[in-house]
Amino acid sequence: MKKLTTTIFFLLCVLASFAQDAVIKKLQQESLRQPKRNIPDTGRKAWKAGIVFALNIGQGSQSNWAAGGDDFSFTASTANNLFAYYKKGKHSWDNTLDINFGYINTTSLGSRKNDDRFDLLSKYGYRLNNKLNLSTLGNFRSQFLKGYTYPGNVKTFASEFMAPAYLIASQGLDYKPTKSLSIFLSPLTSRWVFVNDSVLSAKGEYGVEKGKKATSQTGAFATIGYQQSFNKILSYKTRIDLFSNYKLEPKNVDMFITNTLTAKVAKIIAFSWNVDLIYDDDVTLFGENNNSPGLQFKSVIGVGLQVRI
């Protein structure tokens, strides 16, 4: 019996030794194994926010210049883009606020603004698949200060804050084939046009009835957004809004297009070119008699400070 006990104890020691060797070998293998590089970041932030600020200033002067021109000119323009993006699970919420303002002063023309716009866009999306979202979109666009047109070099009051202003509420599908491109389509959209100025509303400007300060429209809406950095220097951003009013001349599609081309010259110095195109069938300030719609075009070029926060 004693021999049997000794034998069993010996066998247990041998087995324990083998087991200990196996554990040691496993620990050695674990210590030599390369760490995984693509470990998901569980602490990734759902919000991403920032601002891109740009300021361009130019000045010119001359005296006894045979070729002619203004004795003095000064221009200043600023373009600011604020953004806040949220993404978690199947939910996303994109918010942008674009603020543009430009001022020009010359000896012959005096002082006037040559750019004035703020544009707030908010879009919530629920992911249906990797490229398609069910989305709700809201957009509000207007300007800050009084604006004038100059037909025949005659200063004519044309706009101010909330005159006009555009508010859009839309439900549709948002197709995102790539990170740079978004195509939103809605067959049923509500748009409100505000003219909160007695002089302009009395004329029935911007599609409101004479004496009224707002009108509502129902139609189809589409917006295409594209933003791409081609390299560390050159980047491009565009947005195209299209609206067809079911109630009045649906074939005459209102169009709003904004383009920004940016080239970094130095760390905080950049060249920028902003081009805006607008066609609104209700804006009848153009033509020979200043009573017909027309394509509005604006181009602002500058080199100056650009800071991204």
C-alpha atoms as a PDB file:
ATOM      1  CA  MET A   1       0.000   0.000   0.000  1.00  0.00           C
ATOM      2  CA  LYS A   2       2.867   2.309   0.869  1.00  0.00           C
ATOM      3  CA  LYS A   3       4.539   1.552  -2.461  1.00  0.00           C
ATOM      4  CA  LEU A   4       1.259   2.292  -4.284  1.00  0.00           C
ATOM      5  CA  THR A   5       0.905   5.632  -2.481  1.00  0.00           C
ATOM      6  CA  THR A   6       4.486   6.546  -3.314  1.00  0.00           C
ATOM      7  CA  THR A   7       3.951   5.596  -6.937  1.00  0.00           C
ATOM      8  CA  ILE A   8       0.746   7.714  -7.212  1.00  0.00           C
ATOM      9  CA  PHE A   9       2.475  10.685  -5.567  1.00  0.00           C
ATOM     10  CA  PHE A  10       5.386  10.309  -7.989  1.00  0.00           C
ATOM     11  CA  LEU A  11       3.020  10.238 -10.967  1.00  0.00           C
ATOM     12  CA  LEU A  12       1.187  13.315  -9.687  1.00  0.00           C
ATOM     13  CA  CYS A  13       4.475  15.200  -9.362  1.00  0.00           C
ATOM     14  CA  VAL A  14       5.433  14.236 -12.900  1.00  0.00           C
ATOM     15  CA  LEU A  15       2.041  15.401 -14.230  1.00  0.00           C
ATOM     16  CA  ALA A  16       2.307  18.635 -12.279  1.00  0.00           C
ATOM     17  CA  SER A  17       5.763  19.201 -13.703  1.00  0.00           C
ATOM     18  CA  PHE A  18       4.489  18.704 -17.244  1.00  0.00           C
ATOM     19  CA  ALA A  19       1.545  21.009 -16.565  1.00  0.00           C
ATOM     20  CA  GLN A  20       3.852  23.675 -15.119  1.00  0.00           C
ATOM     21  CA  ASP A  21       6.111  23.416 -18.162  1.00  0.00           C
ATOM     22  CA  ALA A  22       3.092  23.863 -20.448  1.00  0.00           C
ATOM     23  CA  VAL A  23       1.959  26.960 -18.542  1.00  0.00           C
ATOM     24  CA  ILE A  24       5.447  28.458 -18.693  1.00  0.00           C
ATOM     25  CA  LYS A  25       5.687  27.795 -22.437  1.00  0.00           C
ATOM     26  CA  LYS A  26       2.269  29.416 -22.992  1.00  0.00           C
ATOM     27  CA  LEU A  27       3.287  32.495 -20.998  1.00  0.00           C
ATOM     28  CA  GLN A  28       6.484  32.742 -23.020  1.00  0.00           C
ATOM     29  CA  GLN A  29       4.499  32.528 -26.279  1.00  0.00           C
ATOM     30  CA  GLU A  30       2.077  35.206 -25.052  1.00  0.00           C
ATOM     31  CA  SER A  31       4.946  37.551 -24.187  1.00  0.00           C
ATOM     32  CA  LEU A  32       6.486  37.153 -27.664  1.00  0.00           C
ATOM     33  CA  ARG A  33       3.196  37.660 -29.539  1.00  0.00           C
ATOM     34  CA  GLN A  34       2.846  40.990 -31.448  1.00  0.00           C
ATOM     35  CA  PRO A  35       0.113  43.269 -30.086  1.00  0.00           C
ATOM     36  CA  LYS A  36      -2.983  43.788 -32.252  1.00  0.00           C
ATOM     37  CA  ARG A  37      -2.934  47.096 -34.100  1.00  0.00           C
ATOM     38  CA  ASN A  38      -6.568  47.397 -35.136  1.00  0.00           C
ATOM     39  CA  ILE A  39      -8.194  47.332 -31.745  1.00  0.00           C
ATOM     40  CA  PRO A  40     -11.489  49.239 -31.835  1.00  0.00           C
ATOM     41  CA  ASP A  41     -11.461  52.482 -29.876  1.00  0.00           C
ATOM     42  CA  THR A  42     -14.351  52.133 -27.445  1.00  0.00           C
ATOM     43  CA  GLY A  43     -13.700  55.644 -26.177  1.00  0.00           C
ATOM     44  CA  ARG A  44     -14.156  57.305 -29.586  1.00  0.00           C
ATOM     45  CA  LYS A  45     -16.004  60.589 -29.336  1.00  0.00           C
ATOM     46  CA  ALA A  46     -19.439  60.810 -30.936  1.00  0.00           C
ATOM     47  CA  TRP A  47     -19.120  64.566 -31.604  1.00  0.00           C
ATOM     48  CA  LYS A  48     -16.683  66.310 -33.947  1.00  0.00           C
ATOM     49  CA  ALA A  49     -16.779  70.124 -34.087  1.00  0.00           C
ATOM     50  CA  GLY A  50     -14.660  73.023 -35.278  1.00  0.00           C
ATOM     51  CA  ILE A  51     -14.401  76.259 -37.247  1.00  0.00           C
ATOM     52  CA  VAL A  52     -12.558  77.416 -40.351  1.00  0.00           C
ATOM     53  CA  PHE A  53     -11.939  81.186 -40.300  1.00  0.00           C
ATOM     54  CA  ALA A  54     -10.688  83.154 -43.324  1.00  0.00           C
ATOM     55  CA  LEU A  55      -9.941  86.886 -43.640  1.00  0.00           C
ATOM     56  CA  ASN A  56      -8.800  88.671 -46.803  1.00  0.00           C
ATOM     57  CA  ILE A  57      -7.851  92.369 -46.988  1.00  0.00           C
ATOM     58  CA  GLY A  58      -6.723  94.426 -49.979  1.00  0.00           C
ATOM     59  CA  GLN A  59      -5.867  98.104 -50.521  1.00  0.00           C
ATOM     60  CA  GLY A  60      -4.818 100.205 -53.499  1.00  0.00           C
ATOM     61  CA  SER A  61      -4.055 103.870 -54.152  1.00  0.00           C
ATOM     62  CA  GLN A  62      -2.753 106.048 -56.978  1.00  0.00           C
ATOM     63  CA  SER A  63      -2.081 109.666 -57.869  1.00  0.00           C
ATOM     64  CA  ASN A  64      -1.685 111.269 -61.312  1.00  0.00           C
ATOM     65  CA  TRP A  65      -1.984 107.839 -62.920  1.00  0.00           C
ATOM     66  CA  ALA A  66      -2.338 108.291 -66.681  1.00  0.00           C
ATOM     67  CA  ALA A  67      -4.208 105.034 -67.212  1.00  0.00           C
ATOM     68  CA  GLY A  68      -6.961 106.227 -64.867  1.00  0.00           C
ATOM     69  CA  GLY A  69      -8.798 104.385 -62.134  1.00  0.00           C
ATOM     70  CA  ASP A  70      -9.782 105.030 -58.546  1.00  0.00           C
ATOM     71  CA  ASP A  71      -7.439 107.075 -56.371  1.00  0.00           C
ATOM     72  CA  PHE A  72      -8.205 104.776 -53.432  1.00  0.00           C
ATOM     73  CA  SER A  73      -9.726 101.335 -52.995  1.00  0.00           C
ATOM     74  CA  PHE A  74     -10.115  99.044 -50.021  1.00  0.00           C
ATOM     75  CA  THR A  75     -11.647  95.594 -49.796  1.00  0.00           C
ATOM     76  CA  ALA A  76     -12.191  93.235 -46.895  1.00  0.00           C
ATOM     77  CA  SER A  77     -13.954  89.878 -46.831  1.00  0.00           C
ATOM     78  CA  THR A  78     -14.395  87.079 -44.344  1.00  0.00           C
ATOM     79  CA  ALA A  79     -15.662  83.537 -44.754  1.00  0.00           C
ATOM     80  CA  ASN A  80     -16.369  81.364 -41.727  1.00  0.00           C
ATOM     81  CA  ASN A  81     -17.501  77.769 -41.573  1.00  0.00           C
ATOM     82  CA  LEU A  82     -18.653  76.332 -38.229  1.00  0.00           C
ATOM     83  CA  PHE A  83     -19.460  72.626 -38.066  1.00  0.00           C
ATOM     84  CA  ALA A  84     -20.625  70.053 -35.531  1.00  0.00           C
ATOM     85  CA  TYR A  85     -21.041  66.414 -36.556  1.00  0.00           C
ATOM     86  CA  TYR A  86     -22.510  63.615 -34.442  1.00  0.00           C
ATOM     87  CA  LYS A  87     -22.356  59.916 -35.281  1.00  0.00           C
ATOM     88  CA  LYS A  88     -23.137  56.938 -33.080  1.00  0.00           C
ATOM     89  CA  GLY A  89     -24.586  53.608 -34.105  1.00  0.00           C
ATOM     90  CA  LYS A  90     -27.217  54.165 -36.779  1.00  0.00           C
ATOM     91  CA  HIS A  91     -27.754  57.796 -35.865  1.00  0.00           C
ATOM     92  CA  SER A  92     -26.011  60.834 -37.343  1.00  0.00           C
ATOM     93  CA  TRP A  93     -26.578  64.581 -37.070  1.00  0.00           C
ATOM     94  CA  ASP A  94     -24.681  67.031 -39.292  1.00  0.00           C
ATOM     95  CA  ASN A  95     -24.746  70.774 -38.575  1.00  0.00           C
ATOM     96  CA  THR A  96     -22.997  73.565 -40.498  1.00  0.00           C
ATOM     97  CA  LEU A  97     -23.151  77.356 -40.321  1.00  0.00           C
ATOM     98  CA  ASP A  98     -21.577  79.396 -43.136  1.00  0.00           C
ATOM     99  CA  ILE A  99     -21.072  83.136 -42.583  1.00  0.00           C
ATOM    100  CA  ASN A 100     -19.742  85.315 -45.408  1.00  0.00           C
ATOM    101  CA  PHE A 101     -19.341  89.078 -45.447  1.00  0.00           C
ATOM    102  CA  GLY A 102     -17.488  91.422 -47.785  1.00  0.00           C
ATOM    103  CA  TYR A 103     -16.966  95.196 -47.893  1.00  0.00           C
ATOM    104  CA  ILE A 104     -15.571  97.440 -50.629  1.00  0.00           C
ATOM    105  CA  ASN A 105     -14.771 101.150 -50.668  1.00  0.00           C
ATOM    106  CA  THR A 106     -13.608 103.073 -53.742  1.00  0.00           C
ATOM    107  CA  THR A 107     -13.317 106.734 -54.647  1.00  0.00           C
ATOM    108  CA  SER A 108     -15.874 106.473 -57.461  1.00  0.00           C
ATOM    109  CA  LEU A 109     -18.401 104.068 -55.935  1.00  0.00           C
ATOM    110  CA  GLY A 110     -18.140 104.873 -52.233  1.00  0.00           C
ATOM    111  CA  SER A 111     -18.792 102.194 -49.616  1.00  0.00           C
ATOM    112  CA  ARG A 112     -20.937  99.137 -50.202  1.00  0.00           C
ATOM    113  CA  LYS A 113     -21.040  95.457 -49.284  1.00  0.00           C
ATOM    114  CA  ASN A 114     -20.188  92.913 -51.947  1.00  0.00           C
ATOM    115  CA  ASP A 115     -20.935  89.775 -49.929  1.00  0.00           C
ATOM    116  CA  ASP A 116     -23.406  89.092 -47.130  1.00  0.00           C
ATOM    117  CA  ARG A 117     -24.858  85.690 -46.223  1.00  0.00           C
ATOM    118  CA  PHE A 118     -25.432  83.317 -43.349  1.00  0.00           C
ATOM    119  CA  ASP A 119     -26.611  79.793 -44.012  1.00  0.00           C
ATOM    120  CA  LEU A 120     -27.545  77.248 -41.317  1.00  0.00           C
ATOM    121  CA  LEU A 121     -28.004  73.621 -42.386  1.00  0.00           C
ATOM    122  CA  SER A 122     -28.992  70.779 -40.038  1.00  0.00           C
ATOM    123  CA  LYS A 123     -29.558  67.176 -41.137  1.00  0.00           C
ATOM    124  CA  TYR A 124     -30.455  64.156 -38.980  1.00  0.00           C
ATOM    125  CA  GLY A 125     -30.021  60.700 -40.481  1.00  0.00           C
ATOM    126  CA  TYR A 126     -30.990  57.158 -39.540  1.00  0.00           C
ATOM    127  CA  ARG A 127     -28.834  54.595 -41.351  1.00  0.00           C
ATOM    128  CA  LEU A 128     -30.743  52.096 -43.510  1.00  0.00           C
ATOM    129  CA  ASN A 129     -27.557  50.606 -44.966  1.00  0.00           C
ATOM    130  CA  ASN A 130     -23.936  51.632 -45.500  1.00  0.00           C
ATOM    131  CA  LYS A 131     -24.822  54.196 -48.187  1.00  0.00           C
ATOM    132  CA  LEU A 132     -28.425  55.235 -47.529  1.00  0.00           C
ATOM    133  CA  ASN A 133     -29.994  57.227 -44.676  1.00  0.00           C
ATOM    134  CA  LEU A 134     -33.564  58.185 -43.907  1.00  0.00           C
ATOM    135  CA  SER A 135     -33.046  61.878 -43.160  1.00  0.00           C
ATOM    136  CA  THR A 136     -34.764  65.007 -41.918  1.00  0.00           C
ATOM    137  CA  LEU A 137     -33.301  68.303 -43.140  1.00  0.00           C
ATOM    138  CA  GLY A 138     -33.718  71.903 -42.029  1.00  0.00           C
ATOM    139  CA  ASN A 139     -32.148  74.949 -43.674  1.00  0.00           C
ATOM    140  CA  PHE A 140     -32.325  78.679 -42.882  1.00  0.00           C
ATOM    141  CA  ARG A 141     -30.668  81.329 -45.042  1.00  0.00           C
ATOM    142  CA  SER A 142     -30.658  85.141 -45.000  1.00  0.00           C
ATOM    143  CA  GLN A 143     -28.294  88.145 -44.742  1.00  0.00           C
ATOM    144  CA  PHE A 144     -27.227  90.569 -41.997  1.00  0.00           C
ATOM    145  CA  LEU A 145     -27.322  94.132 -43.360  1.00  0.00           C
ATOM    146  CA  LYS A 146     -29.253  96.218 -45.858  1.00  0.00           C
ATOM    147  CA  GLY A 147     -28.389  95.570 -49.489  1.00  0.00           C
ATOM    148  CA  TYR A 148     -28.796  97.687 -52.605  1.00  0.00           C
ATOM    149  CA  THR A 149     -28.794  97.220 -56.354  1.00  0.00           C
ATOM    150  CA  TYR A 150     -27.479  99.902 -58.692  1.00  0.00           C
ATOM    151  CA  PRO A 151     -29.481  99.903 -61.956  1.00  0.00           C
ATOM    152  CA  GLY A 152     -28.257 102.825 -64.053  1.00  0.00           C
ATOM    153  CA  ASN A 153     -25.919 103.660 -61.150  1.00  0.00           C
ATOM    154  CA  VAL A 154     -28.980 104.526 -59.029  1.00  0.00           C
ATOM    155  CA  LYS A 155     -28.872 103.172 -55.475  1.00  0.00           C
ATOM    156  CA  THR A 156     -32.010 101.051 -54.939  1.00  0.00           C
ATOM    157  CA  PHE A 157     -32.949  99.315 -51.669  1.00  0.00           C
ATOM    158  CA  ALA A 158     -33.237  95.550 -52.270  1.00  0.00           C
ATOM    159  CA  SER A 159     -32.750  93.532 -49.069  1.00  0.00           C
ATOM    160  CA  GLU A 160     -32.009  93.475 -45.348  1.00  0.00           C
ATOM    161  CA  PHE A 161     -32.042  91.037 -42.430  1.00  0.00           C
ATOM    162  CA  MET A 162     -35.023  88.640 -42.813  1.00  0.00           C
ATOM    163  CA  ALA A 163     -35.949  90.287 -46.114  1.00  0.00           C
ATOM    164  CA  PRO A 164     -35.665  87.934 -47.759  1.00  0.00           C
ATOM    165  CA  ALA A 165     -35.104  84.844 -45.610  1.00  0.00           C
ATOM    166  CA  TYR A 166     -35.675  81.223 -46.595  1.00  0.00           C
ATOM    167  CA  LEU A 167     -36.643  78.340 -44.316  1.00  0.00           C
ATOM    168  CA  ILE A 168     -36.814  74.745 -45.566  1.00  0.00           C
ATOM    169  CA  ALA A 169     -38.135  71.653 -43.743  1.00  0.00           C
ATOM    170  CA  SER A 170     -37.767  68.383 -45.618  1.00  0.00           C
ATOM    171  CA  GLN A 171     -37.979  64.604 -45.164  1.00  0.00           C
ATOM    172  CA  GLY A 172     -36.242  62.340 -47.653  1.00  0.00           C
ATOM    173  CA  LEU A 173     -33.441  59.924 -48.466  1.00  0.00           C
ATOM    174  CA  ASP A 174     -29.757  60.793 -48.190  1.00  0.00           C
ATOM    175  CA  TYR A 175     -27.449  58.775 -50.464  1.00  0.00           C
ATOM    176  CA  LYS A 176     -23.755  58.780 -49.527  1.00  0.00           C
ATOM    177  CA  PRO A 177     -21.724  56.681 -51.977  1.00  0.00           C
ATOM    178  CA  THR A 178     -18.456  58.108 -50.595  1.00  0.00           C
ATOM    179  CA  LYS A 179     -17.366  60.192 -47.606  1.00  0.00           C
ATOM    180  CA  SER A 180     -17.019  63.230 -49.873  1.00  0.00           C
ATOM    181  CA  LEU A 181     -20.432  63.111 -51.589  1.00  0.00           C
ATOM    182  CA  SER A 182     -23.988  63.407 -50.253  1.00  0.00           C
ATOM    183  CA  ILE A 183     -27.179  63.451 -52.372  1.00  0.00           C
ATOM    184  CA  PHE A 184     -30.424  64.263 -50.556  1.00  0.00           C
ATOM    185  CA  LEU A 185     -33.767  63.867 -52.365  1.00  0.00           C
ATOM    186  CA  SER A 186     -37.261  64.716 -51.139  1.00  0.00           C
ATOM    187  CA  PRO A 187     -40.504  64.629 -53.181  1.00  0.00           C
ATOM    188  CA  LEU A 188     -42.369  66.637 -50.518  1.00  0.00           C
ATOM    189  CA  THR A 189     -40.760  69.701 -48.943  1.00  0.00           C
ATOM    190  CA  SER A 190     -42.103  72.818 -47.251  1.00  0.00           C
ATOM    191  CA  ARG A 191     -40.415  76.174 -47.891  1.00  0.00           C
ATOM    192  CA  TRP A 192     -41.231  79.526 -46.334  1.00  0.00           C
ATOM    193  CA  VAL A 193     -40.110  82.862 -47.763  1.00  0.00           C
ATOM    194  CA  PHE A 194     -40.030  85.829 -45.358  1.00  0.00           C
ATOM    195  CA  VAL A 195     -39.913  89.510 -46.303  1.00  0.00           C
ATOM    196  CA  ASN A 196     -39.937  91.257 -42.950  1.00  0.00           C
ATOM    197  CA  ASP A 197     -39.727  94.795 -44.355  1.00  0.00           C
ATOM    198  CA  SER A 198     -42.718  97.025 -45.037  1.00  0.00           C
ATOM    199  CA  VAL A 199     -41.239  98.681 -48.151  1.00  0.00           C
ATOM    200  CA  LEU A 200     -40.289  95.415 -49.845  1.00  0.00           C
ATOM    201  CA  SER A 201     -43.468  93.570 -48.819  1.00  0.00           C
ATOM    202  CA  ALA A 202     -45.600  96.448 -50.155  1.00  0.00           C
ATOM    203  CA  LYS A 203     -43.980  95.864 -53.566  1.00  0.00           C
ATOM    204  CA  GLY A 204     -44.631  92.115 -53.400  1.00  0.00           C
ATOM    205  CA  GLU A 205     -40.932  91.297 -53.716  1.00  0.00           C
ATOM    206  CA  TYR A 206     -39.477  87.775 -53.524  1.00  0.00           C
ATOM    207  CA  GLY A 207     -42.777  86.041 -54.275  1.00  0.00           C
ATOM    208  CA  VAL A 208     -44.871  87.248 -51.324  1.00  0.00           C
ATOM    209  CA  GLU A 209     -48.240  88.898 -51.913  1.00  0.00           C
ATOM    210  CA  LYS A 210     -48.257  92.697 -51.677  1.00  0.00           C
ATOM    211  CA  GLY A 211     -48.591  93.788 -48.052  1.00  0.00           C
ATOM    212  CA  LYS A 212     -47.778  90.340 -46.645  1.00  0.00           C
ATOM    213  CA  LYS A 213     -44.486  89.398 -45.032  1.00  0.00           C
ATOM    214  CA  ALA A 214     -44.377  85.644 -45.610  1.00  0.00           C
ATOM    215  CA  THR A 215     -45.515  82.947 -47.992  1.00  0.00           C
ATOM    216  CA  SER A 216     -45.414  79.150 -47.868  1.00  0.00           C
ATOM    217  CA  GLN A 217     -44.560  76.834 -50.741  1.00  0.00           C
ATOM    218  CA  THR A 218     -44.699  73.066 -51.230  1.00  0.00           C
ATOM    219  CA  GLY A 219     -42.516  71.244 -53.702  1.00  0.00           C
ATOM    220  CA  ALA A 220     -39.717  68.824 -54.475  1.00  0.00           C
ATOM    221  CA  PHE A 221     -36.241  69.477 -53.093  1.00  0.00           C
ATOM    222  CA  ALA A 222     -32.759  68.134 -53.741  1.00  0.00           C
ATOM    223  CA  THR A 223     -29.392  69.107 -52.331  1.00  0.00           C
ATOM    224  CA  ILE A 224     -25.998  67.799 -53.353  1.00  0.00           C
ATOM    225  CA  GLY A 225     -22.961  68.340 -51.149  1.00  0.00           C
ATOM    226  CA  TYR A 226     -19.385  67.562 -52.142  1.00  0.00           C
ATOM    227  CA  GLN A 227     -16.199  68.260 -50.182  1.00  0.00           C
ATOM    228  CA  GLN A 228     -12.767  66.964 -51.139  1.00  0.00           C
ATOM    229  CA  SER A 229      -9.169  67.614 -50.111  1.00  0.00           C
ATOM    230  CA  PHE A 230      -7.100  66.614 -53.129  1.00  0.00           C
ATOM    231  CA  ASN A 231      -3.825  66.993 -51.241  1.00  0.00           C
ATOM    232  CA  LYS A 232      -2.340  69.037 -48.379  1.00  0.00           C
ATOM    233  CA  ILE A 233      -2.621  72.201 -50.487  1.00  0.00           C
ATOM    234  CA  LEU A 234      -5.764  72.109 -52.636  1.00  0.00           C
ATOM    235  CA  SER A 235      -9.358  71.552 -51.462  1.00  0.00           C
ATOM    236  CA  TYR A 236     -12.816  72.123 -52.947  1.00  0.00           C
ATOM    237  CA  LYS A 237     -16.315  72.398 -51.475  1.00  0.00           C
ATOM    238  CA  THR A 238     -19.659  72.823 -53.211  1.00  0.00           C
ATOM    239  CA  ARG A 239     -23.373  72.681 -52.474  1.00  0.00           C
ATOM    240  CA  ILE A 240     -26.234  72.636 -54.988  1.00  0.00           C
ATOM    241  CA  ASP A 241     -29.838  73.223 -53.829  1.00  0.00           C
ATOM    242  CA  LEU A 242     -32.773  72.698 -56.216  1.00  0.00           C
ATOM    243  CA  PHE A 243     -36.425  73.444 -55.425  1.00  0.00           C
ATOM    244  CA  SER A 244     -39.522  73.024 -57.616  1.00  0.00           C
ATOM    245  CA  ASN A 245     -42.665  74.814 -56.403  1.00  0.00           C
ATOM    246  CA  TYR A 246     -45.708  72.577 -57.042  1.00  0.00           C
ATOM    247  CA  LYS A 247     -48.082  75.519 -56.589  1.00  0.00           C
ATOM    248  CA  LEU A 248     -46.579  77.845 -59.203  1.00  0.00           C
ATOM    249  CA  GLU A 249     -44.576  77.065 -62.350  1.00  0.00           C
ATOM    250  CA  PRO A 250     -43.007  73.787 -61.125  1.00  0.00           C
ATOM    251  CA  LYS A 251     -40.870  73.561 -64.265  1.00  0.00           C
ATOM    252  CA  ASN A 252     -39.034  76.762 -63.266  1.00  0.00           C
ATOM    253  CA  VAL A 253     -36.647  75.241 -60.743  1.00  0.00           C
ATOM    254  CA  ASP A 254     -35.076  77.564 -58.165  1.00  0.00           C
ATOM    255  CA  MET A 255     -31.332  77.021 -57.849  1.00  0.00           C
ATOM    256  CA  PHE A 256     -28.734  77.927 -55.232  1.00  0.00           C
ATOM    257  CA  ILE A 257     -25.094  76.936 -55.830  1.00  0.00           C
ATOM    258  CA  THR A 258     -22.073  77.835 -53.728  1.00  0.00           C
ATOM    259  CA  ASN A 259     -18.469  76.862 -54.528  1.00  0.00           C
ATOM    260  CA  THR A 260     -15.242  77.351 -52.594  1.00  0.00           C
ATOM    261  CA  LEU A 261     -11.781  76.526 -53.945  1.00  0.00           C
ATOM    262  CA  THR A 262      -8.917  76.855 -51.460  1.00  0.00           C
ATOM    263  CA  ALA A 263      -5.166  76.560 -51.946  1.00  0.00           C
ATOM    264  CA  LYS A 264      -2.850  76.707 -48.928  1.00  0.00           C
ATOM    265  CA  VAL A 265       0.099  79.040 -49.573  1.00  0.00           C
ATOM    266  CA  ALA A 266       1.621  78.728 -46.100  1.00  0.00           C
ATOM    267  CA  LYS A 267       0.599  77.356 -42.709  1.00  0.00           C
ATOM    268  CA  ILE A 268      -2.060  80.034 -42.085  1.00  0.00           C
ATOM    269  CA  ILE A 269      -2.071  81.791 -45.483  1.00  0.00           C
ATOM    270  CA  ALA A 270      -4.400  80.606 -48.238  1.00  0.00           C
ATOM    271  CA  PHE A 271      -5.776  81.586 -51.622  1.00  0.00           C
ATOM    272  CA  SER A 272      -9.568  81.318 -51.880  1.00  0.00           C
ATOM    273  CA  TRP A 273     -12.092  81.641 -54.690  1.00  0.00           C
ATOM    274  CA  ASN A 274     -15.799  81.735 -53.829  1.00  0.00           C
ATOM    275  CA  VAL A 275     -18.407  81.557 -56.593  1.00  0.00           C
ATOM    276  CA  ASP A 276     -22.172  81.717 -55.908  1.00  0.00           C
ATOM    277  CA  LEU A 277     -24.959  81.202 -58.445  1.00  0.00           C
ATOM    278  CA  ILE A 278     -28.640  81.839 -57.675  1.00  0.00           C
ATOM    279  CA  TYR A 279     -31.755  81.587 -59.797  1.00  0.00           C
ATOM    280  CA  ASP A 280     -35.073  82.327 -58.085  1.00  0.00           C
ATOM    281  CA  ASP A 281     -38.144  82.620 -60.296  1.00  0.00           C
ATOM    282  CA  ASP A 282     -39.768  84.908 -57.704  1.00  0.00           C
ATOM    283  CA  VAL A 283     -36.927  87.463 -57.647  1.00  0.00           C
ATOM    284  CA  THR A 284     -37.877  89.880 -60.429  1.00  0.00           C
ATOM    285  CA  LEU A 285     -35.265  92.614 -60.034  1.00  0.00           C
ATOM    286  CA  PHE A 286     -33.468  92.190 -63.351  1.00  0.00           C
ATOM    287  CA  GLY A 287     -33.925  92.753 -67.074  1.00  0.00           C
ATOM    288  CA  GLU A 288     -34.358  96.003 -68.983  1.00  0.00           C
ATOM    289  CA  ASN A 289     -37.277  97.145 -66.829  1.00  0.00           C
ATOM    290  CA  ASN A 290     -36.055  95.518 -63.608  1.00  0.00           C
ATOM    291  CA  ASN A 291     -39.123  93.271 -63.490  1.00  0.00           C
ATOM    292  CA  SER A 292     -37.933  89.842 -64.595  1.00  0.00           C
ATOM    293  CA  PRO A 293     -35.979  86.976 -62.990  1.00  0.00           C
ATOM    294  CA  GLY A 294     -32.363  86.331 -63.876  1.00  0.00           C
ATOM    295  CA  LEU A 295     -29.286  84.319 -63.001  1.00  0.00           C
ATOM    296  CA  GLN A 296     -27.414  85.936 -60.099  1.00  0.00           C
ATOM    297  CA  PHE A 297     -23.644  85.525 -60.145  1.00  0.00           C
ATOM    298  CA  LYS A 298     -21.049  86.480 -57.540  1.00  0.00           C
ATOM    299  CA  SER A 299     -17.312  85.824 -57.470  1.00  0.00           C
ATOM    300  CA  VAL A 300     -14.915  86.738 -54.640  1.00  0.00           C
ATOM    301  CA  ILE A 301     -11.175  86.073 -54.918  1.00  0.00           C
ATOM    302  CA  GLY A 302      -8.684  86.735 -52.170  1.00  0.00           C
ATOM    303  CA  VAL A 303      -5.454  85.781 -50.434  1.00  0.00           C
ATOM    304  CA  GLY A 304      -5.233  86.103 -46.692  1.00  0.00           C
ATOM    305  CA  LEU A 305      -5.405  84.484 -43.287  1.00  0.00           C
ATOM    306  CA  GLN A 306      -7.021  81.069 -42.843  1.00  0.00           C
ATOM    307  CA  VAL A 307      -7.169  79.316 -39.474  1.00  0.00           C
ATOM    308  CA  ARG A 308      -8.708  75.933 -38.686  1.00  0.00           C
ATOM    309  CA  ILE A 309      -9.683  75.194 -35.093  1.00  0.00           C
END
